[in-house]
Structure formats: structure tokens, C-alpha cells
Amino acid sequence: MKIDHVSIGWSDLGALQNLFANSGMATEYGGPHSSGNTHMSLLGFRDGSYIELISTVRPDAVASSWRRQIEKDGGPCAWCVEQTNIAQEVDKAKRLGIPATGPIDYTRKRPDGVLVEWELGFLGDGEAGSTLPFMIKDKTPRDFRVGPSASVSGAGAPLRGVGTVVLGVQDLASSTALFRKLYGWEEPETNAEHLEGATLARFEGTPVTLAAPRGQGWLSERLAAFGPSPCAFLLDAVDLDSASRSHPLGPRQPWFDGKRLSWVQPLRDRGIMLGVLGP
């Protein structure tokens, strides 16, 4: 499983772009989606993954997906994986009793007039990419859709790409069972110390970590506001020392496999949990 991209919703795209630019991660405007209601900006990494910043084109426009996160500046809202045969994966999920739809065609016109085309598939209940990922397959060349961003992909850039999605869930046992049922993964490793107010379940060798709240706190409040959905995204770095020289990172804390985690502080101050992992 490879993360294609993750999405961050906000009520004002320009303001969100500025937050990222002030954190050393300037994005490129990608244009409106085919619905005409949302538009986006991209932060492309060296490994091909990217962060999508998404908002409505006007304050009165209504987003068809992730409306709550966009209207309430909720930040992380979805994740997407590459898939070469969406129809096959949809059929597999249905045979297992998991709701699934697709493939469905989508388009976006870039500011330079180039039309980008792709197809999507959707897994599970709820909004796209809220717990199970949604899937994407390009119909036009992938570099029509995204390319490396200069702010994070130049010579010596310390960030490799999006390596981990942390999914906020109400019930760790049932969510673990869902992923194991669909993907055949082993039991996850659990930890109750790496993330404040949460018990984590990490599926080794995958980009997926589940987070369930321990009592009242930021995660339980987030789940009440947005339901099960991504609560944090973690970027892989060559090392944290280099990343700290390029980006305003906060204190370091332990993570799985002996790695250390630092949050991008200006984003965290605004409720956007974007972290950097490295030795």
C-alpha cells in the first residue's frame, strides 16, 4: 500500500497556503475540481506523494465531500492510495461485505488549461478516505496531476514524503478488525504513550496507524466534531536535524521503531497535526 496523497480542509485556501508557506512548504495552486465547488493547492514530495490543500471556491459554495472539515477549519480530512485495478478492489471489498463503489471518472482543469483526468474508487461507510482509503488511478499522465514542489524537493531537501496517516477512530477493536478483514494484515502493535490522549495501533509495514481517545481531550472532541477520519499526517524525513533547519518543528517525542516525531509548530498551533518522523 502506497499513499498517493492526503487532504487537508480549510475554509480559506489562501490562508491555508500562507500557513504552509510560512512553515517552509510553499504549495502550487492546482485549480478547481470538476464539481466547480472546490479548488485545491498541492505540495508534492520527492517520493511522488503529495498533500492536497482543499477549500470551497467561494464562501457560499458547498463542498460535496469533507464539508465539516472545510467549513470548520478541521485540517486532515482524507487519504488516498494508488491502485492499478479499482474495479477489482471494489469487487473484493463487496465480497467481504464492505461497502464499495467505483471506478468513477473525475477531472480538474489546471490554471494553465491542461485537463487532468483520473478515476476513483471508494471503500467503507462515511466520506471518502475517512477511515478506509479511497483509491485513485490516473487516466492522463500522472505528472499532469502533480509534480515535486520546489519548496520541499530541491537538492538536500530533508522531507521524503507522506509516510503515515493517523486515523482517529471511536473503537480500536472494530477498526482494527476492519483493516485486517480487507487487507489480511497481522495484529497491530499498540502504544498508549506516543500520542497524548490516544491509544495507538500501528500496522507494521503499512502507512496506517489507528488512534482511539483515552477519555476526554483533543481527540474525543475531534471525533465528536468530524467523526472517524484522519487526525494527523506524518512526513518521513532524512533526519530531524536537517528537517528542523528547514522547517519550524516543535519538541521531539518518541514514536514507533525508535524514531522521533516533531510537529510542524505553526500548523499545530492552528489545529493541523502535521508531523515529521526521522532518526
Protein backbone atom coordinates (compact mmCIF):
# COMPACT_ATOMS: atom_id res chain seq x y z
CA MET A 1 0.00 0.00 0.00
CA LYS A 2 1.40 3.37 -1.06
CA ILE A 3 -0.07 6.71 -0.07
CA ASP A 4 -0.88 8.74 -3.17
CA HIS A 5 -1.96 11.85 -1.31
CA VAL A 6 -3.63 13.18 1.81
CA SER A 7 -6.11 16.05 2.04
CA ILE A 8 -6.37 18.98 4.43
CA GLY A 9 -9.58 21.01 4.51
CA TRP A 10 -9.88 24.71 5.40
CA SER A 11 -12.41 27.47 4.90
CA ASP A 12 -9.97 29.81 3.10
CA LEU A 13 -7.50 28.26 0.67
CA GLY A 14 -5.31 31.37 0.53
CA ALA A 15 -4.97 31.45 4.31
CA LEU A 16 -4.07 27.76 4.37
CA GLN A 17 -1.49 28.25 1.62
CA ASN A 18 0.08 31.02 3.70
CA LEU A 19 0.25 28.78 6.78
CA PHE A 20 2.15 26.17 4.78
CA ALA A 21 4.40 28.73 3.08
CA ASN A 22 5.33 30.21 6.47
CA SER A 23 6.32 26.69 7.54
CA GLY A 24 8.75 26.31 4.63
CA MET A 25 6.29 24.35 2.48
CA ALA A 26 5.08 26.63 -0.30
CA THR A 27 2.39 24.98 -2.44
CA GLU A 28 1.29 25.34 -6.07
CA TYR A 29 -2.29 26.21 -7.00
CA GLY A 30 -3.93 23.28 -8.78
CA GLY A 31 -7.24 24.76 -9.91
CA PRO A 32 -10.92 23.90 -9.39
CA HIS A 33 -12.40 20.42 -9.32
CA SER A 34 -14.98 19.29 -11.87
CA SER A 35 -17.81 19.99 -9.39
CA GLY A 36 -16.99 23.69 -9.57
CA ASN A 37 -17.46 23.99 -5.80
CA THR A 38 -13.94 23.25 -4.53
CA HIS A 39 -10.42 24.10 -5.54
CA MET A 40 -7.04 23.00 -4.31
CA SER A 41 -3.33 23.56 -3.95
CA LEU A 42 -0.57 20.94 -3.96
CA LEU A 43 2.61 20.16 -2.05
CA GLY A 44 4.44 17.45 -3.99
CA PHE A 45 7.29 15.41 -2.46
CA ARG A 46 10.23 13.53 -3.94
CA ASP A 47 8.66 10.09 -3.42
CA GLY A 48 5.63 11.07 -5.53
CA SER A 49 3.18 11.54 -2.65
CA TYR A 50 1.60 14.91 -2.00
CA ILE A 51 -0.55 16.97 0.33
CA GLU A 52 -3.72 18.46 -1.13
CA LEU A 53 -5.00 21.66 0.45
CA ILE A 54 -8.70 21.92 -0.34
CA SER A 55 -11.39 24.55 0.16
CA THR A 56 -14.53 25.90 -1.47
CA VAL A 57 -14.14 28.33 -4.34
CA ARG A 58 -16.50 30.81 -2.62
CA PRO A 59 -17.72 31.14 0.96
CA ASP A 60 -21.26 30.25 -0.16
CA ALA A 61 -20.20 27.17 -2.16
CA VAL A 62 -20.94 23.77 -0.64
CA ALA A 63 -18.31 21.04 -0.74
CA SER A 64 -19.57 17.62 -1.81
CA SER A 65 -17.00 15.91 0.45
CA TRP A 66 -15.40 16.85 3.78
CA ARG A 67 -17.82 19.73 4.28
CA ARG A 68 -17.42 19.82 8.06
CA GLN A 69 -13.61 19.96 7.95
CA ILE A 70 -13.66 22.67 5.29
CA GLU A 71 -16.28 24.86 6.98
CA LYS A 72 -14.78 24.47 10.47
CA ASP A 73 -11.05 24.61 9.58
CA GLY A 74 -10.78 20.95 10.55
CA GLY A 75 -7.49 20.20 8.79
CA PRO A 76 -6.82 16.50 8.00
CA CYS A 77 -9.85 15.01 6.26
CA ALA A 78 -8.94 12.17 3.88
CA TRP A 79 -6.28 9.86 2.48
CA CYS A 80 -5.89 8.17 -0.87
CA VAL A 81 -3.83 5.24 -2.17
CA GLU A 82 -2.66 4.32 -5.65
CA GLN A 83 -4.50 1.39 -7.22
CA THR A 84 -3.92 -0.17 -10.64
CA ASN A 85 -7.26 -2.01 -10.77
CA ILE A 86 -10.00 -0.18 -8.89
CA ALA A 87 -12.82 -2.40 -10.15
CA GLN A 88 -11.06 -5.48 -8.80
CA GLU A 89 -10.57 -3.92 -5.36
CA VAL A 90 -14.19 -2.77 -5.26
CA ASP A 91 -15.37 -6.30 -6.09
CA LYS A 92 -13.10 -7.75 -3.40
CA ALA A 93 -14.50 -5.40 -0.76
CA LYS A 94 -18.08 -6.19 -1.74
CA ARG A 95 -17.43 -9.93 -1.45
CA LEU A 96 -16.24 -9.29 2.11
CA GLY A 97 -19.41 -7.37 2.92
CA ILE A 98 -17.68 -3.96 2.90
CA PRO A 99 -19.50 -1.16 1.01
CA ALA A 100 -17.59 -0.06 -2.10
CA THR A 101 -18.21 1.89 -5.30
CA GLY A 102 -16.26 2.73 -8.44
CA PRO A 103 -14.46 3.32 -10.61
CA ILE A 104 -15.88 6.80 -11.22
CA ASP A 105 -14.30 9.36 -13.56
CA TYR A 106 -13.16 12.78 -12.34
CA THR A 107 -11.41 15.77 -13.90
CA ARG A 108 -9.71 19.02 -12.94
CA LYS A 109 -8.53 21.85 -15.20
CA ARG A 110 -5.15 23.28 -14.20
CA PRO A 111 -4.55 27.05 -14.29
CA ASP A 112 -2.53 26.52 -17.50
CA GLY A 113 -5.56 24.94 -19.18
CA VAL A 114 -4.36 21.33 -19.06
CA LEU A 115 -7.18 18.89 -18.30
CA VAL A 116 -6.30 16.26 -15.67
CA GLU A 117 -8.33 13.04 -15.68
CA TRP A 118 -8.45 10.17 -13.21
CA GLU A 119 -10.80 7.57 -11.74
CA LEU A 120 -11.62 6.92 -8.12
CA GLY A 121 -12.93 4.06 -6.04
CA PHE A 122 -14.44 4.34 -2.56
CA LEU A 123 -14.31 1.87 0.33
CA GLY A 124 -16.37 1.63 3.50
CA ASP A 125 -19.02 3.80 5.08
CA GLY A 126 -18.76 7.53 5.59
CA GLU A 127 -16.98 10.11 3.49
CA ALA A 128 -14.20 9.27 1.05
CA GLY A 129 -10.96 8.40 2.82
CA SER A 130 -12.40 8.91 6.28
CA THR A 131 -11.26 5.52 7.60
CA LEU A 132 -10.54 3.16 4.74
CA PRO A 133 -8.69 4.93 1.93
CA PHE A 134 -10.22 5.95 -1.33
CA MET A 135 -8.35 4.77 -4.41
CA ILE A 136 -7.04 6.59 -7.48
CA LYS A 137 -5.82 5.64 -10.93
CA ASP A 138 -4.64 8.23 -13.44
CA LYS A 139 -6.12 8.38 -16.93
CA THR A 140 -3.81 11.17 -18.05
CA PRO A 141 -0.05 11.11 -17.25
CA ARG A 142 0.49 11.39 -13.51
CA ASP A 143 2.73 14.43 -13.87
CA PHE A 144 -0.33 16.23 -15.26
CA ARG A 145 -1.86 15.83 -11.77
CA VAL A 146 1.16 16.50 -9.54
CA GLY A 147 4.88 17.14 -9.59
CA PRO A 148 7.56 17.83 -6.97
CA SER A 149 7.20 21.23 -5.26
CA ALA A 150 10.31 23.39 -5.25
CA SER A 151 9.93 24.18 -1.54
CA VAL A 152 10.35 20.53 -0.46
CA SER A 153 12.10 18.75 -3.32
CA GLY A 154 15.27 20.68 -4.12
CA ALA A 155 18.81 19.43 -3.60
CA GLY A 156 19.29 18.47 0.04
CA ALA A 157 15.60 18.80 0.91
CA PRO A 158 15.10 16.77 4.10
CA LEU A 159 11.46 15.67 3.60
CA ARG A 160 10.88 12.49 1.59
CA GLY A 161 7.08 12.34 1.51
CA VAL A 162 3.89 11.37 3.31
CA GLY A 163 4.73 8.19 5.20
CA THR A 164 1.98 7.70 7.80
CA VAL A 165 -1.69 8.50 8.21
CA VAL A 166 -3.03 8.51 11.78
CA LEU A 167 -6.75 7.72 11.73
CA GLY A 168 -8.98 8.86 14.56
CA VAL A 169 -11.47 6.09 15.40
CA GLN A 170 -14.06 5.59 18.12
CA ASP A 171 -13.40 1.92 18.70
CA LEU A 172 -9.94 0.43 18.25
CA ALA A 173 -11.06 -3.22 18.18
CA SER A 174 -13.69 -2.87 15.44
CA SER A 175 -11.48 -0.59 13.32
CA THR A 176 -8.56 -3.00 13.63
CA ALA A 177 -10.83 -5.86 12.57
CA LEU A 178 -11.99 -3.89 9.52
CA PHE A 179 -8.46 -3.34 8.20
CA ARG A 180 -7.46 -6.93 8.93
CA LYS A 181 -10.55 -8.23 7.15
CA LEU A 182 -9.93 -6.22 4.00
CA TYR A 183 -6.14 -6.42 3.77
CA GLY A 184 -5.20 -9.55 5.71
CA TRP A 185 -2.78 -7.66 7.96
CA GLU A 186 -1.34 -9.01 11.19
CA GLU A 187 -2.41 -7.74 14.60
CA PRO A 188 -1.14 -4.20 15.14
CA GLU A 189 1.35 -3.03 17.74
CA THR A 190 -0.30 -0.83 20.36
CA ASN A 191 1.03 2.08 22.38
CA ALA A 192 -0.61 4.46 24.86
CA GLU A 193 2.26 6.94 25.25
CA HIS A 194 3.31 8.20 21.81
CA LEU A 195 0.31 10.49 21.26
CA GLU A 196 -1.28 12.46 24.08
CA GLY A 197 -4.81 11.36 24.91
CA ALA A 198 -4.79 8.44 22.47
CA THR A 199 -4.12 4.73 22.30
CA LEU A 200 -2.39 3.88 19.03
CA ALA A 201 -2.47 0.71 16.96
CA ARG A 202 0.19 0.61 14.26
CA PHE A 203 0.10 -1.96 11.45
CA GLU A 204 3.78 -2.73 10.88
CA GLY A 205 4.99 -2.39 7.33
CA THR A 206 2.00 -0.24 6.33
CA PRO A 207 1.34 3.51 6.41
CA VAL A 208 -1.62 3.07 8.78
CA THR A 209 -1.83 3.91 12.48
CA LEU A 210 -5.18 3.97 14.30
CA ALA A 211 -5.80 6.35 17.23
CA ALA A 212 -8.64 5.94 19.74
CA PRO A 213 -9.26 8.51 22.51
CA ARG A 214 -8.41 7.83 26.14
CA GLY A 215 -11.04 9.82 27.99
CA GLN A 216 -11.86 13.43 27.21
CA GLY A 217 -9.39 15.53 25.24
CA TRP A 218 -8.50 16.84 21.80
CA LEU A 219 -9.09 13.52 20.03
CA SER A 220 -12.50 12.85 21.58
CA GLU A 221 -13.50 16.44 20.72
CA ARG A 222 -12.29 15.97 17.16
CA LEU A 223 -14.26 12.76 16.76
CA ALA A 224 -17.37 14.48 18.09
CA ALA A 225 -16.93 17.28 15.55
CA PHE A 226 -15.89 15.32 12.46
CA GLY A 227 -16.48 11.63 13.11
CA PRO A 228 -13.90 8.93 12.34
CA SER A 229 -11.34 10.47 10.00
CA PRO A 230 -7.62 11.24 9.75
CA CYS A 231 -6.40 13.23 12.74
CA ALA A 232 -2.71 13.55 11.78
CA PHE A 233 -0.35 13.06 8.87
CA LEU A 234 3.34 12.24 9.33
CA LEU A 235 6.07 13.05 6.83
CA ASP A 236 9.21 10.95 6.50
CA ALA A 237 12.48 12.86 6.81
CA VAL A 238 16.11 12.02 6.14
CA ASP A 239 16.77 13.15 9.71
CA LEU A 240 15.15 15.54 12.14
CA ASP A 241 18.19 17.79 12.49
CA SER A 242 18.06 18.65 8.78
CA ALA A 243 14.29 18.98 8.85
CA SER A 244 14.50 21.36 11.83
CA ARG A 245 16.81 23.66 9.89
CA SER A 246 14.30 23.90 7.03
CA HIS A 247 11.01 23.88 8.90
CA PRO A 248 9.75 25.23 12.26
CA LEU A 249 9.47 21.98 14.21
CA GLY A 250 8.49 21.61 17.85
CA PRO A 251 9.97 19.39 20.58
CA ARG A 252 10.80 15.80 19.73
CA GLN A 253 8.95 12.85 21.16
CA PRO A 254 9.21 9.05 20.82
CA TRP A 255 7.49 7.12 18.06
CA PHE A 256 7.43 3.50 16.86
CA ASP A 257 10.63 1.73 15.74
CA GLY A 258 12.81 4.08 17.77
CA LYS A 259 12.02 7.05 15.54
CA ARG A 260 11.38 10.54 16.81
CA LEU A 261 8.43 12.76 15.94
CA SER A 262 8.27 16.55 15.75
CA TRP A 263 5.15 18.52 14.88
CA VAL A 264 5.27 21.45 12.44
CA GLN A 265 4.60 24.02 15.14
CA PRO A 266 2.81 26.86 13.27
CA LEU A 267 0.39 24.32 11.80
CA ARG A 268 -0.17 22.55 15.11
CA ASP A 269 -0.91 25.92 16.71
CA ARG A 270 -3.83 26.18 14.27
CA GLY A 271 -5.03 22.63 14.94
CA ILE A 272 -3.40 20.97 11.92
CA MET A 273 -1.49 17.91 13.11
CA LEU A 274 1.30 17.55 10.55
CA GLY A 275 4.36 15.82 11.96
CA VAL A 276 7.83 14.88 10.76
CA LEU A 277 9.35 11.46 11.52
CA GLY A 278 13.05 10.69 11.41
CA PRO A 279 16.05 9.34 13.20
